[in-house]
Amino acid sequence: MLLDVRTYKTLPGRVPAQLELYRKFGYPVQLRYMGEPLCYAVAETGELNTFTHIWVYESAADREEKRARMAQDPDWKVYLAENAKAGHIIEQKNTQMTPVAFAPPIPKAKIHPSGGLAFRHDPGRLRRRPGPPAPRGRGHDRL
């Protein structure tokens, strides 16, 4: 299993605009090819003006194949053009990781209604905005 951890930094105050642009143009395309991400989160402390998303793949080959198919989609090309035109993102970090032996299991895959692969996640394990923090439970401190 491969975790693709992608962190983006925007110009100050531009995270909401970037997320809206992505929600409108990028996310629907990624759902078609990769399903739902394991996590999509905005920094509350530390390096502000950043957001991170984590995608789960069976292997590096699986990631390469899915991203290659997505890159050919005309809708993805529209997103890339809109993204470049907006100019919100100033830095991207991409780390591919594998879970350690004692890590909590990654949720089982399911088929997303769009036809892509999606991953179930426990909403109680992630903090969602707006609203209060999710209750702490078993495994929460290991995210």
C-alpha atoms as a PDB file:
ATOM      1  CA  MET A   1       0.000   0.000   0.000  1.00  0.00           C
ATOM      2  CA  LEU A   2       1.209   3.492  -0.864  1.00  0.00           C
ATOM      3  CA  LEU A   3       0.095   6.766   0.736  1.00  0.00           C
ATOM      4  CA  ASP A   4       0.534   9.814  -1.472  1.00  0.00           C
ATOM      5  CA  VAL A   5       0.743  12.778   0.929  1.00  0.00           C
ATOM      6  CA  ARG A   6       0.439  16.075  -0.928  1.00  0.00           C
ATOM      7  CA  THR A   7       0.834  19.425   0.833  1.00  0.00           C
ATOM      8  CA  TYR A   8       0.271  22.767  -0.862  1.00  0.00           C
ATOM      9  CA  LYS A   9       1.100  26.279   0.325  1.00  0.00           C
ATOM     10  CA  THR A  10      -0.854  29.249  -0.973  1.00  0.00           C
ATOM     11  CA  LEU A  11      -0.340  32.964  -0.886  1.00  0.00           C
ATOM     12  CA  PRO A  12      -1.615  34.349   2.451  1.00  0.00           C
ATOM     13  CA  GLY A  13      -5.384  34.166   2.732  1.00  0.00           C
ATOM     14  CA  ARG A  14      -5.850  32.258  -0.517  1.00  0.00           C
ATOM     15  CA  VAL A  15      -6.585  28.775   0.849  1.00  0.00           C
ATOM     16  CA  PRO A  16     -10.400  29.234   0.681  1.00  0.00           C
ATOM     17  CA  ALA A  17     -10.248  30.432  -2.932  1.00  0.00           C
ATOM     18  CA  GLN A  18      -7.940  27.555  -3.918  1.00  0.00           C
ATOM     19  CA  LEU A  19     -10.135  24.969  -2.245  1.00  0.00           C
ATOM     20  CA  GLU A  20     -13.198  26.361  -4.016  1.00  0.00           C
ATOM     21  CA  LEU A  21     -11.409  26.246  -7.363  1.00  0.00           C
ATOM     22  CA  TYR A  22     -10.357  22.645  -6.677  1.00  0.00           C
ATOM     23  CA  ARG A  23     -13.851  21.671  -5.457  1.00  0.00           C
ATOM     24  CA  LYS A  24     -15.362  23.003  -8.651  1.00  0.00           C
ATOM     25  CA  PHE A  25     -12.845  21.833 -11.259  1.00  0.00           C
ATOM     26  CA  GLY A  26     -10.350  19.315  -9.807  1.00  0.00           C
ATOM     27  CA  TYR A  27     -12.063  17.159  -7.206  1.00  0.00           C
ATOM     28  CA  PRO A  28     -14.765  15.723  -9.508  1.00  0.00           C
ATOM     29  CA  VAL A  29     -12.075  14.583 -11.945  1.00  0.00           C
ATOM     30  CA  GLN A  30      -9.929  13.007  -9.247  1.00  0.00           C
ATOM     31  CA  LEU A  31     -12.946  11.138  -7.886  1.00  0.00           C
ATOM     32  CA  ARG A  32     -13.408   9.511 -11.291  1.00  0.00           C
ATOM     33  CA  TYR A  33      -9.893   8.092 -11.316  1.00  0.00           C
ATOM     34  CA  MET A  34      -8.790   7.758  -7.697  1.00  0.00           C
ATOM     35  CA  GLY A  35     -11.925   7.777  -5.583  1.00  0.00           C
ATOM     36  CA  GLU A  36     -12.133   9.689  -2.337  1.00  0.00           C
ATOM     37  CA  PRO A  37      -8.946  10.731  -0.547  1.00  0.00           C
ATOM     38  CA  LEU A  38      -8.177   9.291   2.860  1.00  0.00           C
ATOM     39  CA  CYS A  39      -7.866  12.828   4.198  1.00  0.00           C
ATOM     40  CA  TYR A  40      -8.221  16.432   3.062  1.00  0.00           C
ATOM     41  CA  ALA A  41      -7.231  18.946   5.758  1.00  0.00           C
ATOM     42  CA  VAL A  42      -6.312  22.597   6.298  1.00  0.00           C
ATOM     43  CA  ALA A  43      -3.534  23.711   8.676  1.00  0.00           C
ATOM     44  CA  GLU A  44      -4.833  25.238  11.916  1.00  0.00           C
ATOM     45  CA  THR A  45      -1.394  25.772  13.464  1.00  0.00           C
ATOM     46  CA  GLY A  46       2.207  25.579  12.341  1.00  0.00           C
ATOM     47  CA  GLU A  47       2.739  26.337   8.678  1.00  0.00           C
ATOM     48  CA  LEU A  48      -0.394  28.312   7.881  1.00  0.00           C
ATOM     49  CA  ASN A  49      -1.830  28.848   4.407  1.00  0.00           C
ATOM     50  CA  THR A  50      -1.349  25.142   3.716  1.00  0.00           C
ATOM     51  CA  PHE A  51      -3.578  22.172   3.075  1.00  0.00           C
ATOM     52  CA  THR A  52      -2.809  18.484   2.762  1.00  0.00           C
ATOM     53  CA  HIS A  53      -4.564  15.598   1.108  1.00  0.00           C
ATOM     54  CA  ILE A  54      -3.709  11.920   1.247  1.00  0.00           C
ATOM     55  CA  TRP A  55      -4.509   9.430  -1.497  1.00  0.00           C
ATOM     56  CA  VAL A  56      -4.228   5.655  -1.089  1.00  0.00           C
ATOM     57  CA  TYR A  57      -2.898   3.404  -3.834  1.00  0.00           C
ATOM     58  CA  GLU A  58      -2.151  -0.291  -4.007  1.00  0.00           C
ATOM     59  CA  SER A  59       1.377   0.442  -5.276  1.00  0.00           C
ATOM     60  CA  ALA A  60       3.522   2.983  -7.107  1.00  0.00           C
ATOM     61  CA  ALA A  61       2.445   1.347 -10.373  1.00  0.00           C
ATOM     62  CA  ASP A  62      -1.226   1.774  -9.414  1.00  0.00           C
ATOM     63  CA  ARG A  63      -0.591   5.467  -8.675  1.00  0.00           C
ATOM     64  CA  GLU A  64       1.265   5.977 -11.945  1.00  0.00           C
ATOM     65  CA  GLU A  65      -1.475   4.284 -14.000  1.00  0.00           C
ATOM     66  CA  LYS A  66      -4.337   6.241 -12.377  1.00  0.00           C
ATOM     67  CA  ARG A  67      -2.573   9.584 -12.613  1.00  0.00           C
ATOM     68  CA  ALA A  68      -1.635   8.935 -16.263  1.00  0.00           C
ATOM     69  CA  ARG A  69      -5.276   8.226 -17.152  1.00  0.00           C
ATOM     70  CA  MET A  70      -6.403  11.322 -15.258  1.00  0.00           C
ATOM     71  CA  ALA A  71      -3.815  13.493 -17.033  1.00  0.00           C
ATOM     72  CA  GLN A  72      -5.462  12.623 -20.359  1.00  0.00           C
ATOM     73  CA  ASP A  73      -8.922  13.749 -19.210  1.00  0.00           C
ATOM     74  CA  PRO A  74      -9.934  17.074 -20.815  1.00  0.00           C
ATOM     75  CA  ASP A  75     -11.633  18.124 -17.558  1.00  0.00           C
ATOM     76  CA  TRP A  76      -8.331  17.718 -15.686  1.00  0.00           C
ATOM     77  CA  LYS A  77      -6.647  19.943 -18.258  1.00  0.00           C
ATOM     78  CA  VAL A  78      -9.322  22.584 -17.597  1.00  0.00           C
ATOM     79  CA  TYR A  79      -8.556  22.370 -13.868  1.00  0.00           C
ATOM     80  CA  LEU A  80      -4.813  22.744 -14.474  1.00  0.00           C
ATOM     81  CA  ALA A  81      -5.407  25.809 -16.658  1.00  0.00           C
ATOM     82  CA  GLU A  82      -7.751  27.407 -14.090  1.00  0.00           C
ATOM     83  CA  ASN A  83      -5.277  26.596 -11.331  1.00  0.00           C
ATOM     84  CA  ALA A  84      -2.387  28.227 -13.209  1.00  0.00           C
ATOM     85  CA  LYS A  85      -4.505  31.272 -14.051  1.00  0.00           C
ATOM     86  CA  ALA A  86      -5.533  31.771 -10.390  1.00  0.00           C
ATOM     87  CA  GLY A  87      -1.947  31.626  -9.126  1.00  0.00           C
ATOM     88  CA  HIS A  88      -2.890  30.791  -5.533  1.00  0.00           C
ATOM     89  CA  ILE A  89      -0.369  27.956  -5.009  1.00  0.00           C
ATOM     90  CA  ILE A  90       3.238  28.918  -4.341  1.00  0.00           C
ATOM     91  CA  GLU A  91       4.678  25.585  -3.172  1.00  0.00           C
ATOM     92  CA  GLN A  92       3.912  21.870  -3.373  1.00  0.00           C
ATOM     93  CA  LYS A  93       5.413  19.010  -1.383  1.00  0.00           C
ATOM     94  CA  ASN A  94       4.714  15.418  -2.293  1.00  0.00           C
ATOM     95  CA  THR A  95       5.741  12.468  -0.140  1.00  0.00           C
ATOM     96  CA  GLN A  96       4.983   8.833  -0.846  1.00  0.00           C
ATOM     97  CA  MET A  97       4.806   6.758   2.310  1.00  0.00           C
ATOM     98  CA  THR A  98       3.999   3.219   3.385  1.00  0.00           C
ATOM     99  CA  PRO A  99       2.244   2.319   6.647  1.00  0.00           C
ATOM    100  CA  VAL A 100       4.346   0.732   9.389  1.00  0.00           C
ATOM    101  CA  ALA A 101       3.488  -2.727  10.697  1.00  0.00           C
ATOM    102  CA  PHE A 102       1.708  -1.474  13.845  1.00  0.00           C
ATOM    103  CA  ALA A 103      -0.258   1.330  12.143  1.00  0.00           C
ATOM    104  CA  PRO A 104      -4.049   1.171  12.293  1.00  0.00           C
ATOM    105  CA  PRO A 105      -5.438  -0.475   9.183  1.00  0.00           C
ATOM    106  CA  ILE A 106      -6.208   1.745   6.218  1.00  0.00           C
ATOM    107  CA  PRO A 107      -9.961   1.537   5.565  1.00  0.00           C
ATOM    108  CA  LYS A 108     -11.259  -0.920   2.995  1.00  0.00           C
ATOM    109  CA  ALA A 109     -11.812   0.361  -0.509  1.00  0.00           C
ATOM    110  CA  LYS A 110     -15.269   0.864  -1.933  1.00  0.00           C
ATOM    111  CA  ILE A 111     -16.534   1.910  -5.312  1.00  0.00           C
ATOM    112  CA  HIS A 112     -17.424   5.588  -5.467  1.00  0.00           C
ATOM    113  CA  PRO A 113     -20.779   6.411  -7.157  1.00  0.00           C
ATOM    114  CA  SER A 114     -18.790   8.015  -9.985  1.00  0.00           C
ATOM    115  CA  GLY A 115     -17.252   4.606 -10.729  1.00  0.00           C
ATOM    116  CA  GLY A 116     -13.829   5.304  -9.199  1.00  0.00           C
ATOM    117  CA  LEU A 117     -12.293   3.623  -6.199  1.00  0.00           C
ATOM    118  CA  ALA A 118     -13.043   5.312  -2.886  1.00  0.00           C
ATOM    119  CA  PHE A 119     -11.900   4.647   0.643  1.00  0.00           C
ATOM    120  CA  ARG A 120     -14.056   4.477   3.723  1.00  0.00           C
ATOM    121  CA  HIS A 121     -12.817   6.518   6.634  1.00  0.00           C
ATOM    122  CA  ASP A 122     -14.026   6.980  10.155  1.00  0.00           C
ATOM    123  CA  PRO A 123     -15.296  10.577  10.329  1.00  0.00           C
ATOM    124  CA  GLY A 124     -14.643  10.557  14.076  1.00  0.00           C
ATOM    125  CA  ARG A 125     -10.912  10.232  13.381  1.00  0.00           C
ATOM    126  CA  LEU A 126     -10.656  13.448  11.393  1.00  0.00           C
ATOM    127  CA  ARG A 127     -11.357  17.026  12.387  1.00  0.00           C
ATOM    128  CA  ARG A 128     -13.792  18.655  10.029  1.00  0.00           C
ATOM    129  CA  ARG A 129     -14.430  22.347   9.605  1.00  0.00           C
ATOM    130  CA  PRO A 130     -16.584  24.109  10.653  1.00  0.00           C
ATOM    131  CA  GLY A 131     -17.431  22.749  14.069  1.00  0.00           C
ATOM    132  CA  PRO A 132     -15.731  21.463  17.159  1.00  0.00           C
ATOM    133  CA  PRO A 133     -12.938  18.919  17.121  1.00  0.00           C
ATOM    134  CA  ALA A 134     -13.962  15.315  16.627  1.00  0.00           C
ATOM    135  CA  PRO A 135     -14.016  13.238  19.812  1.00  0.00           C
ATOM    136  CA  ARG A 136     -10.765  11.489  20.558  1.00  0.00           C
ATOM    137  CA  GLY A 137     -10.968   7.764  20.193  1.00  0.00           C
ATOM    138  CA  ARG A 138      -8.805   4.722  19.796  1.00  0.00           C
ATOM    139  CA  GLY A 139      -6.162   5.386  17.163  1.00  0.00           C
ATOM    140  CA  HIS A 140      -6.923   9.115  16.865  1.00  0.00           C
ATOM    141  CA  ASP A 141      -3.578  10.093  18.339  1.00  0.00           C
ATOM    142  CA  ARG A 142      -1.776   8.042  15.679  1.00  0.00           C
ATOM    143  CA  LEU A 143      -3.125   9.869  12.619  1.00  0.00           C
END
